[in-house]
Amino acid sequence: MPNPIGSFFARRRFRPTLWPTLGLVALVAATVFLGNWQRHRGAEKEALREQYELAARQPPLELTASTDAAALRFRPVRASGEFDGRRQVLIDNKVRAGRPGFDVVTPLKLAGAERYVLVDRGWIALGAHRSELPQAPPPAGAIRVEGRINLPPAHYLELKTDAGPGPIRQNLDIDRLAAATGLALLPFVIEQSGDAGDSLVRDWPRPDFGIEQHWSYMLQWYSLAGLGIVLWVALNWLPRGSGVESPPTRDGASSAGSSPRLPRGRGILLLLAVVALAPIVAAYVAYYWFAPTKR
């Protein structure tokens, strides 16, 4: 009984050609690099989630002007001082339960120091008109604030640069706010907790670290590399006598030393594969090139 697998391989031979091989090397190098990058980012996000869970179980820390923001992110803290209501800002485009509003962020001058920390005092709904800003004055005099340390996003969408004397800001940029106000701001924010006797909403959601998204992208990139290898094998596993050898010369002999040519059908398949994969690769590479961090 004939062996169909043996017959298949007997009728074909593996003959890699130049351009498909170069294309495979470029494709695999790019996709494996991006897959490894996503794996690294996923591991970083997992470490950040573990930091969040560990910090949430810690007792509140008394905040000082020398507090290390990176080491104490998500840590419960207490801070004493006085609010500076004149430099309070409203962070725009904050939606809760389908209602637009603002996060109210007020500088707190730390007791016994010349430094300030920004306190996100909570969310307040937008009024009937944007021209009528909601009022959320901070309490006067010495106050004690409890909350958790957090860092504003390092990358964000900004339609225009915040300018003008008004309190509305599209995003919370600590460096930019420090330059505009002249205050010596600590490089983090306190998300205030508890009931302060005002109308601000303080139900801070659990951070979405996006770990599963990184794992998903990682698998997509590795799968694309595997698909490229399979396609390369299919393009180069050619039937015997399919035109891989160079055409015969005038005297009837084939020029064995010449470079092999890809059969027409395989060339069309390669062209279609490049056309199909090029927009995907270009879109992903552009995504990482223009915003390579904090994804």
C-alpha atoms as a PDB file:
ATOM      1  CA  MET A   1       0.000   0.000   0.000  1.00  0.00           C
ATOM      2  CA  PRO A   2       1.556   3.304  -1.054  1.00  0.00           C
ATOM      3  CA  ASN A   3       2.416   5.797   1.642  1.00  0.00           C
ATOM      4  CA  PRO A   4       0.614   9.091   0.808  1.00  0.00           C
ATOM      5  CA  ILE A   5       2.953  11.130   2.995  1.00  0.00           C
ATOM      6  CA  GLY A   6       6.005   9.598   1.384  1.00  0.00           C
ATOM      7  CA  SER A   7       4.515  10.147  -2.065  1.00  0.00           C
ATOM      8  CA  PHE A   8       3.842  13.794  -1.244  1.00  0.00           C
ATOM      9  CA  PHE A   9       7.426  14.454  -0.202  1.00  0.00           C
ATOM     10  CA  ALA A  10       8.751  12.426  -3.116  1.00  0.00           C
ATOM     11  CA  ARG A  11       6.965  14.764  -5.537  1.00  0.00           C
ATOM     12  CA  ARG A  12       8.229  17.943  -3.832  1.00  0.00           C
ATOM     13  CA  ARG A  13      11.408  19.459  -2.550  1.00  0.00           C
ATOM     14  CA  PHE A  14      12.169  22.278  -0.167  1.00  0.00           C
ATOM     15  CA  ARG A  15      13.862  25.062  -2.084  1.00  0.00           C
ATOM     16  CA  PRO A  16      13.996  28.381  -0.176  1.00  0.00           C
ATOM     17  CA  THR A  17      14.153  31.464  -2.362  1.00  0.00           C
ATOM     18  CA  LEU A  18      15.748  34.777  -1.531  1.00  0.00           C
ATOM     19  CA  TRP A  19      12.943  37.302  -1.159  1.00  0.00           C
ATOM     20  CA  PRO A  20      10.514  35.149   0.846  1.00  0.00           C
ATOM     21  CA  THR A  21      13.383  34.272   3.197  1.00  0.00           C
ATOM     22  CA  LEU A  22      14.354  37.916   3.704  1.00  0.00           C
ATOM     23  CA  GLY A  23      10.716  38.798   4.271  1.00  0.00           C
ATOM     24  CA  LEU A  24      10.398  36.033   6.856  1.00  0.00           C
ATOM     25  CA  VAL A  25      13.485  37.210   8.746  1.00  0.00           C
ATOM     26  CA  ALA A  26      12.154  40.777   8.898  1.00  0.00           C
ATOM     27  CA  LEU A  27       8.660  39.667   9.907  1.00  0.00           C
ATOM     28  CA  VAL A  28       9.786  37.265  12.635  1.00  0.00           C
ATOM     29  CA  ALA A  29      12.318  39.739  14.034  1.00  0.00           C
ATOM     30  CA  ALA A  30       9.720  42.518  14.275  1.00  0.00           C
ATOM     31  CA  THR A  31       6.878  40.410  15.663  1.00  0.00           C
ATOM     32  CA  VAL A  32       9.009  38.555  18.220  1.00  0.00           C
ATOM     33  CA  PHE A  33      10.475  41.867  19.398  1.00  0.00           C
ATOM     34  CA  LEU A  34       7.003  43.368  19.842  1.00  0.00           C
ATOM     35  CA  GLY A  35       5.731  40.183  21.495  1.00  0.00           C
ATOM     36  CA  ASN A  36       8.595  40.298  23.982  1.00  0.00           C
ATOM     37  CA  TRP A  37       7.868  43.977  24.614  1.00  0.00           C
ATOM     38  CA  GLN A  38       4.244  43.169  25.443  1.00  0.00           C
ATOM     39  CA  ARG A  39       5.355  40.325  27.707  1.00  0.00           C
ATOM     40  CA  HIS A  40       7.666  42.714  29.553  1.00  0.00           C
ATOM     41  CA  ARG A  41       4.909  45.313  29.931  1.00  0.00           C
ATOM     42  CA  GLY A  42       2.502  42.659  31.188  1.00  0.00           C
ATOM     43  CA  ALA A  43       5.012  41.599  33.834  1.00  0.00           C
ATOM     44  CA  GLU A  44       5.432  45.244  34.885  1.00  0.00           C
ATOM     45  CA  LYS A  45       1.674  45.648  35.210  1.00  0.00           C
ATOM     46  CA  GLU A  46       1.453  42.468  37.289  1.00  0.00           C
ATOM     47  CA  ALA A  47       4.106  43.864  39.625  1.00  0.00           C
ATOM     48  CA  LEU A  48       2.130  47.106  39.846  1.00  0.00           C
ATOM     49  CA  ARG A  49      -1.034  45.193  40.739  1.00  0.00           C
ATOM     50  CA  GLU A  50       0.829  43.324  43.473  1.00  0.00           C
ATOM     51  CA  GLN A  51       2.103  46.677  44.756  1.00  0.00           C
ATOM     52  CA  TYR A  52      -1.475  47.979  44.836  1.00  0.00           C
ATOM     53  CA  GLU A  53      -2.778  44.969  46.762  1.00  0.00           C
ATOM     54  CA  LEU A  54       0.112  45.097  49.228  1.00  0.00           C
ATOM     55  CA  ALA A  55      -0.203  48.855  49.786  1.00  0.00           C
ATOM     56  CA  ALA A  56      -3.952  48.614  50.367  1.00  0.00           C
ATOM     57  CA  ARG A  57      -3.309  46.357  53.379  1.00  0.00           C
ATOM     58  CA  GLN A  58      -0.812  48.733  54.983  1.00  0.00           C
ATOM     59  CA  PRO A  59      -1.734  51.170  57.775  1.00  0.00           C
ATOM     60  CA  PRO A  60      -1.880  54.872  56.842  1.00  0.00           C
ATOM     61  CA  LEU A  61       1.467  56.612  56.619  1.00  0.00           C
ATOM     62  CA  GLU A  62       2.078  60.139  57.865  1.00  0.00           C
ATOM     63  CA  LEU A  63       2.995  62.191  54.806  1.00  0.00           C
ATOM     64  CA  THR A  64       6.128  64.328  54.827  1.00  0.00           C
ATOM     65  CA  ALA A  65       7.795  66.543  52.240  1.00  0.00           C
ATOM     66  CA  SER A  66      10.353  63.785  51.530  1.00  0.00           C
ATOM     67  CA  THR A  67       7.881  60.968  50.827  1.00  0.00           C
ATOM     68  CA  ASP A  68       9.000  58.732  47.941  1.00  0.00           C
ATOM     69  CA  ALA A  69       6.098  58.587  45.492  1.00  0.00           C
ATOM     70  CA  ALA A  70       7.335  55.629  43.429  1.00  0.00           C
ATOM     71  CA  ALA A  71       7.884  53.388  46.440  1.00  0.00           C
ATOM     72  CA  LEU A  72       4.636  54.355  48.180  1.00  0.00           C
ATOM     73  CA  ARG A  73       2.190  54.459  45.297  1.00  0.00           C
ATOM     74  CA  PHE A  74      -1.308  53.338  46.398  1.00  0.00           C
ATOM     75  CA  ARG A  75      -0.262  53.543  50.046  1.00  0.00           C
ATOM     76  CA  PRO A  76      -2.851  54.993  52.465  1.00  0.00           C
ATOM     77  CA  VAL A  77      -1.575  58.291  53.886  1.00  0.00           C
ATOM     78  CA  ARG A  78      -2.482  61.112  56.218  1.00  0.00           C
ATOM     79  CA  ALA A  79      -1.448  64.711  55.622  1.00  0.00           C
ATOM     80  CA  SER A  80      -1.877  67.850  57.700  1.00  0.00           C
ATOM     81  CA  GLY A  81      -1.857  71.406  56.409  1.00  0.00           C
ATOM     82  CA  GLU A  82      -3.983  74.121  54.834  1.00  0.00           C
ATOM     83  CA  PHE A  83      -5.716  74.112  51.455  1.00  0.00           C
ATOM     84  CA  ASP A  84      -4.888  76.823  48.915  1.00  0.00           C
ATOM     85  CA  GLY A  85      -8.279  77.386  47.319  1.00  0.00           C
ATOM     86  CA  ARG A  86      -7.003  80.156  45.036  1.00  0.00           C
ATOM     87  CA  ARG A  87      -5.033  77.633  42.980  1.00  0.00           C
ATOM     88  CA  GLN A  88      -7.688  74.928  42.875  1.00  0.00           C
ATOM     89  CA  VAL A  89      -8.258  73.338  39.447  1.00  0.00           C
ATOM     90  CA  LEU A  90     -11.049  71.307  37.871  1.00  0.00           C
ATOM     91  CA  ILE A  91     -10.010  68.299  35.773  1.00  0.00           C
ATOM     92  CA  ASP A  92     -12.429  68.089  32.856  1.00  0.00           C
ATOM     93  CA  ASN A  93     -14.154  65.149  31.147  1.00  0.00           C
ATOM     94  CA  LYS A  94     -14.720  63.025  34.229  1.00  0.00           C
ATOM     95  CA  VAL A  95     -17.873  60.924  33.834  1.00  0.00           C
ATOM     96  CA  ARG A  96     -19.641  59.022  36.596  1.00  0.00           C
ATOM     97  CA  ALA A  97     -22.907  57.131  36.153  1.00  0.00           C
ATOM     98  CA  GLY A  98     -23.249  58.699  32.720  1.00  0.00           C
ATOM     99  CA  ARG A  99     -23.010  62.258  34.049  1.00  0.00           C
ATOM    100  CA  PRO A 100     -20.193  64.615  33.016  1.00  0.00           C
ATOM    101  CA  GLY A 101     -18.287  66.468  35.671  1.00  0.00           C
ATOM    102  CA  PHE A 102     -14.926  67.428  37.126  1.00  0.00           C
ATOM    103  CA  ASP A 103     -12.367  66.111  39.561  1.00  0.00           C
ATOM    104  CA  VAL A 104     -11.649  68.845  42.090  1.00  0.00           C
ATOM    105  CA  VAL A 105      -7.901  69.104  42.764  1.00  0.00           C
ATOM    106  CA  THR A 106      -6.648  71.480  45.463  1.00  0.00           C
ATOM    107  CA  PRO A 107      -3.066  72.154  46.615  1.00  0.00           C
ATOM    108  CA  LEU A 108      -2.460  71.420  50.298  1.00  0.00           C
ATOM    109  CA  LYS A 109       0.406  73.250  52.007  1.00  0.00           C
ATOM    110  CA  LEU A 110       1.993  70.724  54.323  1.00  0.00           C
ATOM    111  CA  ALA A 111       2.266  71.719  57.953  1.00  0.00           C
ATOM    112  CA  GLY A 112       5.768  72.796  58.904  1.00  0.00           C
ATOM    113  CA  ALA A 113       7.035  72.787  55.314  1.00  0.00           C
ATOM    114  CA  GLU A 114       7.122  75.010  52.250  1.00  0.00           C
ATOM    115  CA  ARG A 115       5.996  72.252  49.956  1.00  0.00           C
ATOM    116  CA  TYR A 116       2.561  71.397  48.647  1.00  0.00           C
ATOM    117  CA  VAL A 117       0.789  68.208  47.670  1.00  0.00           C
ATOM    118  CA  LEU A 118      -2.155  68.027  45.294  1.00  0.00           C
ATOM    119  CA  VAL A 119      -5.296  66.532  46.805  1.00  0.00           C
ATOM    120  CA  ASP A 120      -7.965  65.116  44.511  1.00  0.00           C
ATOM    121  CA  ARG A 121     -10.887  65.946  46.748  1.00  0.00           C
ATOM    122  CA  GLY A 122     -13.429  64.073  44.630  1.00  0.00           C
ATOM    123  CA  TRP A 123     -15.870  64.419  41.748  1.00  0.00           C
ATOM    124  CA  ILE A 124     -18.539  67.051  41.225  1.00  0.00           C
ATOM    125  CA  ALA A 125     -21.198  67.086  38.508  1.00  0.00           C
ATOM    126  CA  LEU A 126     -21.291  69.658  35.734  1.00  0.00           C
ATOM    127  CA  GLY A 127     -24.060  72.231  36.024  1.00  0.00           C
ATOM    128  CA  ALA A 128     -26.697  73.083  33.453  1.00  0.00           C
ATOM    129  CA  HIS A 129     -24.194  75.130  31.438  1.00  0.00           C
ATOM    130  CA  ARG A 130     -20.423  74.954  31.103  1.00  0.00           C
ATOM    131  CA  SER A 131     -20.295  78.687  31.690  1.00  0.00           C
ATOM    132  CA  GLU A 132     -21.574  78.077  35.222  1.00  0.00           C
ATOM    133  CA  LEU A 133     -18.833  76.124  36.926  1.00  0.00           C
ATOM    134  CA  PRO A 134     -19.737  74.099  40.023  1.00  0.00           C
ATOM    135  CA  GLN A 135     -18.505  75.504  43.304  1.00  0.00           C
ATOM    136  CA  ALA A 136     -16.491  73.294  45.657  1.00  0.00           C
ATOM    137  CA  PRO A 137     -14.523  75.552  48.002  1.00  0.00           C
ATOM    138  CA  PRO A 138     -12.085  73.726  50.300  1.00  0.00           C
ATOM    139  CA  PRO A 139     -12.409  73.990  54.067  1.00  0.00           C
ATOM    140  CA  ALA A 140     -10.485  76.879  55.587  1.00  0.00           C
ATOM    141  CA  GLY A 141      -7.792  76.614  58.224  1.00  0.00           C
ATOM    142  CA  ALA A 142      -5.743  73.673  59.386  1.00  0.00           C
ATOM    143  CA  ILE A 143      -7.066  70.329  58.203  1.00  0.00           C
ATOM    144  CA  ARG A 144      -6.099  66.667  58.220  1.00  0.00           C
ATOM    145  CA  VAL A 145      -6.602  64.719  54.996  1.00  0.00           C
ATOM    146  CA  GLU A 146      -6.686  60.946  54.547  1.00  0.00           C
ATOM    147  CA  GLY A 147      -6.426  59.125  51.252  1.00  0.00           C
ATOM    148  CA  ARG A 148      -4.050  57.148  49.074  1.00  0.00           C
ATOM    149  CA  ILE A 149      -1.043  58.129  47.009  1.00  0.00           C
ATOM    150  CA  ASN A 150      -1.397  57.891  43.249  1.00  0.00           C
ATOM    151  CA  LEU A 151       0.356  59.144  40.132  1.00  0.00           C
ATOM    152  CA  PRO A 152      -1.404  60.906  37.239  1.00  0.00           C
ATOM    153  CA  PRO A 153      -1.177  59.209  33.832  1.00  0.00           C
ATOM    154  CA  ALA A 154       2.103  59.922  32.091  1.00  0.00           C
ATOM    155  CA  HIS A 155       0.447  59.837  28.647  1.00  0.00           C
ATOM    156  CA  TYR A 156      -2.920  61.249  27.786  1.00  0.00           C
ATOM    157  CA  LEU A 157      -4.997  62.682  24.971  1.00  0.00           C
ATOM    158  CA  GLU A 158      -4.903  66.457  24.828  1.00  0.00           C
ATOM    159  CA  LEU A 159      -6.933  68.414  22.290  1.00  0.00           C
ATOM    160  CA  LYS A 160      -5.247  71.710  23.143  1.00  0.00           C
ATOM    161  CA  THR A 161      -2.713  73.029  25.614  1.00  0.00           C
ATOM    162  CA  ASP A 162      -4.236  74.255  28.863  1.00  0.00           C
ATOM    163  CA  ALA A 163      -3.935  78.013  28.964  1.00  0.00           C
ATOM    164  CA  GLY A 164      -5.644  81.008  30.440  1.00  0.00           C
ATOM    165  CA  PRO A 165      -6.546  82.030  33.958  1.00  0.00           C
ATOM    166  CA  GLY A 166      -9.528  79.694  34.348  1.00  0.00           C
ATOM    167  CA  PRO A 167      -9.486  76.673  36.659  1.00  0.00           C
ATOM    168  CA  ILE A 168     -10.409  74.027  34.057  1.00  0.00           C
ATOM    169  CA  ARG A 169      -7.684  71.627  32.937  1.00  0.00           C
ATOM    170  CA  GLN A 170      -8.012  68.783  30.472  1.00  0.00           C
ATOM    171  CA  ASN A 171      -5.485  66.645  32.323  1.00  0.00           C
ATOM    172  CA  LEU A 172      -3.618  66.728  35.596  1.00  0.00           C
ATOM    173  CA  ASP A 173       0.002  67.481  34.739  1.00  0.00           C
ATOM    174  CA  ILE A 174       1.890  68.136  37.977  1.00  0.00           C
ATOM    175  CA  ASP A 175       4.966  69.675  36.355  1.00  0.00           C
ATOM    176  CA  ARG A 176       2.876  72.024  34.231  1.00  0.00           C
ATOM    177  CA  LEU A 177       0.713  73.012  37.177  1.00  0.00           C
ATOM    178  CA  ALA A 178       3.789  73.662  39.319  1.00  0.00           C
ATOM    179  CA  ALA A 179       5.214  75.926  36.618  1.00  0.00           C
ATOM    180  CA  ALA A 180       1.918  77.814  36.263  1.00  0.00           C
ATOM    181  CA  THR A 181       1.370  78.343  39.997  1.00  0.00           C
ATOM    182  CA  GLY A 182       4.943  78.629  41.219  1.00  0.00           C
ATOM    183  CA  LEU A 183       4.243  76.074  43.954  1.00  0.00           C
ATOM    184  CA  ALA A 184       6.754  73.438  45.040  1.00  0.00           C
ATOM    185  CA  LEU A 185       4.540  70.406  44.415  1.00  0.00           C
ATOM    186  CA  LEU A 186       5.309  66.852  45.442  1.00  0.00           C
ATOM    187  CA  PRO A 187       5.286  64.512  42.406  1.00  0.00           C
ATOM    188  CA  PHE A 188       2.084  62.660  43.281  1.00  0.00           C
ATOM    189  CA  VAL A 189      -1.557  63.146  44.209  1.00  0.00           C
ATOM    190  CA  ILE A 190      -3.547  62.180  47.279  1.00  0.00           C
ATOM    191  CA  GLU A 191      -6.933  60.738  46.367  1.00  0.00           C
ATOM    192  CA  GLN A 192      -8.937  61.833  49.380  1.00  0.00           C
ATOM    193  CA  SER A 193     -11.161  59.290  51.116  1.00  0.00           C
ATOM    194  CA  GLY A 194     -13.849  59.511  53.756  1.00  0.00           C
ATOM    195  CA  ASP A 195     -16.714  61.918  54.268  1.00  0.00           C
ATOM    196  CA  ALA A 196     -15.545  65.522  54.472  1.00  0.00           C
ATOM    197  CA  GLY A 197     -19.032  66.964  54.840  1.00  0.00           C
ATOM    198  CA  ASP A 198     -19.220  68.271  51.267  1.00  0.00           C
ATOM    199  CA  SER A 199     -21.011  67.120  48.117  1.00  0.00           C
ATOM    200  CA  LEU A 200     -17.983  65.583  46.406  1.00  0.00           C
ATOM    201  CA  VAL A 201     -18.039  61.925  45.342  1.00  0.00           C
ATOM    202  CA  ARG A 202     -15.025  59.876  46.476  1.00  0.00           C
ATOM    203  CA  ASP A 203     -15.736  56.276  45.477  1.00  0.00           C
ATOM    204  CA  TRP A 204     -12.388  55.714  43.797  1.00  0.00           C
ATOM    205  CA  PRO A 205     -12.525  52.723  41.418  1.00  0.00           C
ATOM    206  CA  ARG A 206      -9.994  49.925  41.543  1.00  0.00           C
ATOM    207  CA  PRO A 207      -7.287  50.641  38.935  1.00  0.00           C
ATOM    208  CA  ASP A 208      -7.524  48.740  35.671  1.00  0.00           C
ATOM    209  CA  PHE A 209      -3.968  47.634  35.021  1.00  0.00           C
ATOM    210  CA  GLY A 210      -4.718  46.161  31.580  1.00  0.00           C
ATOM    211  CA  ILE A 211      -2.651  43.021  32.165  1.00  0.00           C
ATOM    212  CA  GLU A 212      -4.881  40.779  30.034  1.00  0.00           C
ATOM    213  CA  GLN A 213      -4.587  43.218  27.141  1.00  0.00           C
ATOM    214  CA  HIS A 214      -0.805  42.886  27.147  1.00  0.00           C
ATOM    215  CA  TRP A 215      -1.007  39.076  27.206  1.00  0.00           C
ATOM    216  CA  SER A 216      -3.487  39.191  24.320  1.00  0.00           C
ATOM    217  CA  TYR A 217      -1.224  41.412  22.230  1.00  0.00           C
ATOM    218  CA  MET A 218       1.748  39.193  23.070  1.00  0.00           C
ATOM    219  CA  LEU A 219      -0.052  36.105  21.751  1.00  0.00           C
ATOM    220  CA  GLN A 220      -1.102  37.988  18.619  1.00  0.00           C
ATOM    221  CA  TRP A 221       2.475  38.966  17.833  1.00  0.00           C
ATOM    222  CA  TYR A 222       3.846  35.478  18.456  1.00  0.00           C
ATOM    223  CA  SER A 223       1.027  33.977  16.369  1.00  0.00           C
ATOM    224  CA  LEU A 224       1.880  36.347  13.544  1.00  0.00           C
ATOM    225  CA  ALA A 225       5.504  35.171  13.696  1.00  0.00           C
ATOM    226  CA  GLY A 226       4.353  31.535  13.554  1.00  0.00           C
ATOM    227  CA  LEU A 227       2.045  32.301  10.641  1.00  0.00           C
ATOM    228  CA  GLY A 228       4.948  33.851   8.778  1.00  0.00           C
ATOM    229  CA  ILE A 229       7.039  30.707   9.241  1.00  0.00           C
ATOM    230  CA  VAL A 230       4.204  28.475   8.004  1.00  0.00           C
ATOM    231  CA  LEU A 231       3.681  30.733   5.001  1.00  0.00           C
ATOM    232  CA  TRP A 232       7.394  30.688   4.226  1.00  0.00           C
ATOM    233  CA  VAL A 233       7.468  26.881   4.257  1.00  0.00           C
ATOM    234  CA  ALA A 234       4.405  26.736   1.999  1.00  0.00           C
ATOM    235  CA  LEU A 235       5.971  29.154  -0.459  1.00  0.00           C
ATOM    236  CA  ASN A 236       9.205  27.196  -0.668  1.00  0.00           C
ATOM    237  CA  TRP A 237       7.982  23.554  -0.574  1.00  0.00           C
ATOM    238  CA  LEU A 238       7.700  23.282  -4.325  1.00  0.00           C
ATOM    239  CA  PRO A 239       6.702  20.445  -6.684  1.00  0.00           C
ATOM    240  CA  ARG A 240       9.551  18.948  -8.655  1.00  0.00           C
ATOM    241  CA  GLY A 241       9.696  20.391 -12.134  1.00  0.00           C
ATOM    242  CA  SER A 242       7.524  23.352 -11.135  1.00  0.00           C
ATOM    243  CA  GLY A 243       9.831  25.907 -12.641  1.00  0.00           C
ATOM    244  CA  VAL A 244      12.194  26.380  -9.748  1.00  0.00           C
ATOM    245  CA  GLU A 245      15.164  25.651 -11.959  1.00  0.00           C
ATOM    246  CA  SER A 246      16.284  28.300 -14.354  1.00  0.00           C
ATOM    247  CA  PRO A 247      14.912  28.013 -17.892  1.00  0.00           C
ATOM    248  CA  PRO A 248      17.044  26.089 -20.384  1.00  0.00           C
ATOM    249  CA  THR A 249      19.549  27.913 -22.530  1.00  0.00           C
ATOM    250  CA  ARG A 250      19.487  27.950 -26.323  1.00  0.00           C
ATOM    251  CA  ASP A 251      21.395  24.684 -26.521  1.00  0.00           C
ATOM    252  CA  GLY A 252      18.765  22.993 -24.314  1.00  0.00           C
ATOM    253  CA  ALA A 253      20.766  22.828 -21.071  1.00  0.00           C
ATOM    254  CA  SER A 254      19.602  24.472 -17.898  1.00  0.00           C
ATOM    255  CA  SER A 255      21.927  26.898 -16.173  1.00  0.00           C
ATOM    256  CA  ALA A 256      22.302  25.199 -12.796  1.00  0.00           C
ATOM    257  CA  GLY A 257      24.369  28.031 -11.378  1.00  0.00           C
ATOM    258  CA  SER A 258      21.623  30.626 -11.871  1.00  0.00           C
ATOM    259  CA  SER A 259      19.411  31.760  -9.023  1.00  0.00           C
ATOM    260  CA  PRO A 260      16.088  29.898  -8.784  1.00  0.00           C
ATOM    261  CA  ARG A 261      12.937  31.775  -9.618  1.00  0.00           C
ATOM    262  CA  LEU A 262       9.689  31.672  -7.687  1.00  0.00           C
ATOM    263  CA  PRO A 263       6.824  30.072  -9.651  1.00  0.00           C
ATOM    264  CA  ARG A 264       4.141  32.483 -10.761  1.00  0.00           C
ATOM    265  CA  GLY A 265       1.465  31.052  -8.440  1.00  0.00           C
ATOM    266  CA  ARG A 266       3.756  31.242  -5.425  1.00  0.00           C
ATOM    267  CA  GLY A 267       4.731  34.793  -6.337  1.00  0.00           C
ATOM    268  CA  ILE A 268       1.099  35.886  -6.410  1.00  0.00           C
ATOM    269  CA  LEU A 269       0.517  34.191  -3.044  1.00  0.00           C
ATOM    270  CA  LEU A 270       3.531  35.999  -1.584  1.00  0.00           C
ATOM    271  CA  LEU A 271       2.303  39.334  -2.931  1.00  0.00           C
ATOM    272  CA  LEU A 272      -1.161  38.810  -1.438  1.00  0.00           C
ATOM    273  CA  ALA A 273       0.379  37.874   1.920  1.00  0.00           C
ATOM    274  CA  VAL A 274       2.508  41.024   1.949  1.00  0.00           C
ATOM    275  CA  VAL A 275      -0.462  43.212   1.008  1.00  0.00           C
ATOM    276  CA  ALA A 276      -2.592  41.627   3.758  1.00  0.00           C
ATOM    277  CA  LEU A 277       0.024  41.778   6.514  1.00  0.00           C
ATOM    278  CA  ALA A 278       1.623  45.142   5.739  1.00  0.00           C
ATOM    279  CA  PRO A 279      -1.236  47.352   7.066  1.00  0.00           C
ATOM    280  CA  ILE A 280      -1.448  45.295  10.281  1.00  0.00           C
ATOM    281  CA  VAL A 281       2.265  45.483  10.947  1.00  0.00           C
ATOM    282  CA  ALA A 282       2.412  49.175  10.012  1.00  0.00           C
ATOM    283  CA  ALA A 283      -0.478  50.055  12.329  1.00  0.00           C
ATOM    284  CA  TYR A 284       0.996  48.235  15.310  1.00  0.00           C
ATOM    285  CA  VAL A 285       4.509  49.576  14.739  1.00  0.00           C
ATOM    286  CA  ALA A 286       3.156  53.136  14.481  1.00  0.00           C
ATOM    287  CA  TYR A 287       1.197  52.581  17.699  1.00  0.00           C
ATOM    288  CA  TYR A 288       4.334  51.614  19.627  1.00  0.00           C
ATOM    289  CA  TRP A 289       6.573  54.163  17.905  1.00  0.00           C
ATOM    290  CA  PHE A 290       4.484  57.211  18.817  1.00  0.00           C
ATOM    291  CA  ALA A 291       3.646  56.073  22.376  1.00  0.00           C
ATOM    292  CA  PRO A 292       6.159  53.393  23.377  1.00  0.00           C
ATOM    293  CA  THR A 293       5.520  53.555  27.130  1.00  0.00           C
ATOM    294  CA  LYS A 294       2.617  53.377  29.538  1.00  0.00           C
ATOM    295  CA  ARG A 295       0.690  51.002  27.345  1.00  0.00           C
END
